[in-house]
Amino acid sequence: MNIEIPLLIVADLIAAVVLTFGLYWRRHYRRDLVVAFMGINVGVLSVSAVLADSEVGAGVGLGLFGVLSIIRLRSDELAQHEIAYYFAMLALGLLGGLDAAPLPLSLVFMVLVVVTMAVIDHPGLLGGNRRQEIILDRAIADPAELRAHLAELLDAEIRAVSVSRLDLVNDTTVVDVRFRRPEKGAARVAEGAAQ
């Protein structure tokens, strides 16, 4: 093991703490995933650091990455942004433990992972856009009527609607709706201008 490995381990742990507590926890507040993210990062880091000096090296590290993703898919359901954090933590652990690239390049990639998550998951970026599955207590087959009903119900601009189930017997409609709510400040300005 050369001198770069301890530096990469420290860099990984710092990046993992920033990603978990500085970004994820402050934005999403899911304690169980904080534990999972830190545990998976330290676990992948430890195993990949040990395997980096063995004969099997990077191939086993990438295999480990695949095995961990299969295990993940069999556990509790996660939102897409949580899956992104999960894989970011796996990537950080592999970058910190495998020593497959020169130290400056590994550090740049670690910073890139954290900065990407910070920017892409920022509430100000696409913050007003939402997705929700809704069960309506009436069957609405007409797409225009459905959009109008959802717009009124959600008080939002409807971006996309996908009907999952239209039940004419039980008079229900299940929809996956993508919508955007106007920001409160912009709505207040519009109301003031209308008066």
Protein backbone atom coordinates (compact mmCIF):
# COMPACT_ATOMS: atom_id res chain seq x y z
CA MET A 1 0.00 0.00 0.00
CA ASN A 2 1.51 3.33 -0.99
CA ILE A 3 1.12 6.78 0.62
CA GLU A 4 -1.72 7.77 -1.75
CA ILE A 5 -4.18 5.24 -0.28
CA PRO A 6 -4.47 6.87 3.19
CA LEU A 7 -4.93 10.26 1.50
CA LEU A 8 -7.67 8.82 -0.73
CA ILE A 9 -9.32 7.21 2.29
CA VAL A 10 -9.40 10.54 4.13
CA ALA A 11 -10.67 12.29 0.98
CA ASP A 12 -13.39 9.65 0.56
CA LEU A 13 -14.56 9.98 4.16
CA ILE A 14 -14.66 13.78 3.91
CA ALA A 15 -16.60 13.58 0.62
CA ALA A 16 -18.99 10.99 2.09
CA VAL A 17 -19.69 13.13 5.17
CA VAL A 18 -20.26 16.24 3.01
CA LEU A 19 -22.55 14.32 0.66
CA THR A 20 -24.50 12.64 3.45
CA PHE A 21 -24.79 15.32 6.13
CA GLY A 22 -24.08 18.52 4.21
CA LEU A 23 -26.36 17.72 1.27
CA TYR A 24 -28.65 14.72 1.67
CA TRP A 25 -29.66 15.12 5.33
CA ARG A 26 -30.23 18.88 5.07
CA ARG A 27 -32.47 18.39 2.01
CA HIS A 28 -34.31 15.11 2.61
CA TYR A 29 -34.14 14.11 6.31
CA ARG A 30 -34.25 10.33 6.00
CA ARG A 31 -32.26 8.91 8.90
CA ASP A 32 -32.32 5.33 7.64
CA LEU A 33 -30.62 6.38 4.41
CA VAL A 34 -27.96 8.39 6.25
CA VAL A 35 -26.99 5.18 8.01
CA ALA A 36 -27.15 3.21 4.74
CA PHE A 37 -25.11 5.76 2.77
CA MET A 38 -22.31 5.98 5.33
CA GLY A 39 -22.31 2.23 5.92
CA ILE A 40 -22.18 1.38 2.22
CA ASN A 41 -19.47 3.96 1.58
CA VAL A 42 -17.19 2.75 4.37
CA GLY A 43 -17.88 -0.88 3.46
CA VAL A 44 -17.07 -0.41 -0.23
CA LEU A 45 -14.04 1.72 0.68
CA SER A 46 -12.71 -0.97 3.05
CA VAL A 47 -13.23 -3.90 0.70
CA SER A 48 -11.90 -2.09 -2.36
CA ALA A 49 -8.82 -0.85 -0.45
CA VAL A 50 -8.02 -4.41 0.61
CA LEU A 51 -8.67 -5.77 -2.90
CA ALA A 52 -6.56 -3.04 -4.53
CA ASP A 53 -3.37 -4.72 -3.30
CA SER A 54 -4.48 -8.21 -4.23
CA GLU A 55 -4.09 -9.97 -7.55
CA VAL A 56 -7.76 -9.54 -8.48
CA GLY A 57 -7.88 -5.73 -8.11
CA ALA A 58 -10.25 -3.56 -10.14
CA GLY A 59 -12.26 -6.39 -11.68
CA VAL A 60 -13.42 -7.58 -8.27
CA GLY A 61 -14.08 -3.98 -7.22
CA LEU A 62 -16.38 -3.47 -10.19
CA GLY A 63 -18.00 -6.84 -9.51
CA LEU A 64 -18.58 -5.71 -5.93
CA PHE A 65 -20.23 -2.57 -7.30
CA GLY A 66 -22.63 -4.76 -9.31
CA VAL A 67 -23.38 -7.13 -6.41
CA LEU A 68 -24.16 -4.21 -4.12
CA SER A 69 -26.54 -2.72 -6.67
CA ILE A 70 -28.41 -6.05 -6.90
CA ILE A 71 -28.71 -6.20 -3.11
CA ARG A 72 -29.99 -2.62 -3.13
CA LEU A 73 -32.70 -3.42 -5.64
CA ARG A 74 -34.10 -6.12 -3.34
CA SER A 75 -34.47 -3.80 -0.34
CA ASP A 76 -36.77 -0.89 0.56
CA GLU A 77 -38.05 1.25 -2.32
CA LEU A 78 -36.05 4.43 -2.89
CA ALA A 79 -36.84 7.56 -4.84
CA GLN A 80 -34.72 8.25 -7.92
CA HIS A 81 -32.73 11.00 -6.18
CA GLU A 82 -31.96 8.61 -3.32
CA ILE A 83 -30.67 6.03 -5.79
CA ALA A 84 -28.40 8.75 -7.22
CA TYR A 85 -27.00 9.42 -3.72
CA TYR A 86 -26.59 5.70 -3.19
CA PHE A 87 -24.52 5.26 -6.35
CA ALA A 88 -22.54 8.42 -5.60
CA MET A 89 -21.54 6.87 -2.26
CA LEU A 90 -20.56 3.64 -4.02
CA ALA A 91 -18.47 5.59 -6.55
CA LEU A 92 -16.73 7.55 -3.78
CA GLY A 93 -15.90 4.32 -1.95
CA LEU A 94 -14.43 2.77 -5.08
CA LEU A 95 -12.46 5.92 -5.93
CA GLY A 96 -11.08 6.05 -2.41
CA GLY A 97 -10.20 2.40 -2.11
CA LEU A 98 -9.04 1.13 -5.49
CA ASP A 99 -6.20 3.58 -6.19
CA ALA A 100 -6.76 2.88 -9.90
CA ALA A 101 -5.98 6.43 -11.08
CA PRO A 102 -3.35 9.01 -10.13
CA LEU A 103 -4.13 10.76 -6.83
CA PRO A 104 -5.04 14.17 -8.38
CA LEU A 105 -7.44 12.52 -10.84
CA SER A 106 -9.15 10.49 -8.09
CA LEU A 107 -9.55 13.64 -5.99
CA VAL A 108 -10.99 15.54 -8.98
CA PHE A 109 -13.52 12.76 -9.55
CA MET A 110 -14.50 12.76 -5.86
CA VAL A 111 -15.06 16.52 -5.98
CA LEU A 112 -16.97 16.12 -9.24
CA VAL A 113 -19.33 13.56 -7.68
CA VAL A 114 -20.08 15.80 -4.67
CA VAL A 115 -20.45 19.00 -6.72
CA THR A 116 -22.70 17.27 -9.24
CA MET A 117 -25.03 16.07 -6.51
CA ALA A 118 -24.99 19.49 -4.82
CA VAL A 119 -26.01 21.26 -8.03
CA ILE A 120 -28.43 18.72 -9.48
CA ASP A 121 -30.29 18.13 -6.19
CA HIS A 122 -30.45 21.81 -5.25
CA PRO A 123 -34.04 22.85 -4.42
CA GLY A 124 -33.67 25.99 -6.54
CA LEU A 125 -33.03 23.90 -9.65
CA LEU A 126 -36.34 22.54 -10.92
CA GLY A 127 -37.72 22.97 -7.38
CA GLY A 128 -41.30 23.77 -8.39
CA ASN A 129 -41.62 20.60 -10.47
CA ARG A 130 -43.35 17.68 -8.81
CA ARG A 131 -44.48 14.14 -9.56
CA GLN A 132 -47.28 12.34 -7.82
CA GLU A 133 -49.45 9.30 -8.29
CA ILE A 134 -53.07 10.22 -7.66
CA ILE A 135 -56.21 8.11 -7.35
CA LEU A 136 -59.22 10.10 -8.49
CA ASP A 137 -62.68 9.17 -7.24
CA ARG A 138 -64.15 9.25 -10.72
CA ALA A 139 -63.30 7.66 -14.04
CA ILE A 140 -62.15 10.30 -16.53
CA ALA A 141 -61.44 8.96 -20.00
CA ASP A 142 -61.14 12.31 -21.81
CA PRO A 143 -57.49 13.54 -21.67
CA ALA A 144 -58.42 17.25 -21.80
CA GLU A 145 -60.99 16.87 -19.01
CA LEU A 146 -58.47 14.89 -16.95
CA ARG A 147 -55.80 17.60 -17.32
CA ALA A 148 -58.28 20.34 -16.40
CA HIS A 149 -59.48 18.39 -13.35
CA LEU A 150 -55.90 17.77 -12.17
CA ALA A 151 -54.93 21.41 -12.73
CA GLU A 152 -57.83 22.53 -10.55
CA LEU A 153 -57.24 19.84 -7.92
CA LEU A 154 -53.51 20.53 -7.60
CA ASP A 155 -53.64 24.27 -8.32
CA ALA A 156 -50.74 23.72 -10.70
CA GLU A 157 -49.65 23.72 -14.30
CA ILE A 158 -49.91 20.14 -15.53
CA ARG A 159 -46.82 19.09 -17.50
CA ALA A 160 -47.57 15.43 -18.20
CA VAL A 161 -50.23 12.89 -17.30
CA SER A 162 -49.99 9.13 -17.65
CA VAL A 163 -53.08 7.10 -16.83
CA SER A 164 -52.05 3.96 -14.95
CA ARG A 165 -55.56 2.58 -14.55
CA LEU A 166 -59.02 3.64 -15.66
CA ASP A 167 -61.62 1.68 -13.70
CA LEU A 168 -65.12 2.24 -15.09
CA VAL A 169 -66.67 -0.32 -12.71
CA ASN A 170 -65.40 1.31 -9.51
CA ASP A 171 -65.39 4.80 -11.05
CA THR A 172 -61.70 5.61 -10.36
CA THR A 173 -58.73 6.84 -12.33
CA VAL A 174 -55.13 6.27 -11.25
CA VAL A 175 -52.71 8.75 -12.81
CA ASP A 176 -49.03 9.57 -12.62
CA VAL A 177 -48.94 13.34 -12.97
CA ARG A 178 -46.01 15.71 -13.47
CA PHE A 179 -46.82 19.28 -12.51
CA ARG A 180 -45.33 22.63 -11.61
CA ARG A 181 -46.63 24.90 -8.92
CA PRO A 182 -45.86 28.59 -9.30
CA GLU A 183 -43.49 29.94 -6.69
CA LYS A 184 -45.32 31.75 -3.90
CA GLY A 185 -43.50 35.03 -4.50
CA ALA A 186 -44.37 34.98 -8.20
CA ALA A 187 -47.99 34.10 -7.41
CA ARG A 188 -48.29 37.03 -4.99
CA VAL A 189 -46.85 39.42 -7.61
CA ALA A 190 -49.36 38.10 -10.18
CA GLU A 191 -52.24 38.54 -7.71
CA GLY A 192 -51.11 42.11 -6.93
CA ALA A 193 -50.91 42.96 -10.63
CA ALA A 194 -54.41 41.55 -11.22
CA GLN A 195 -55.98 43.75 -8.53
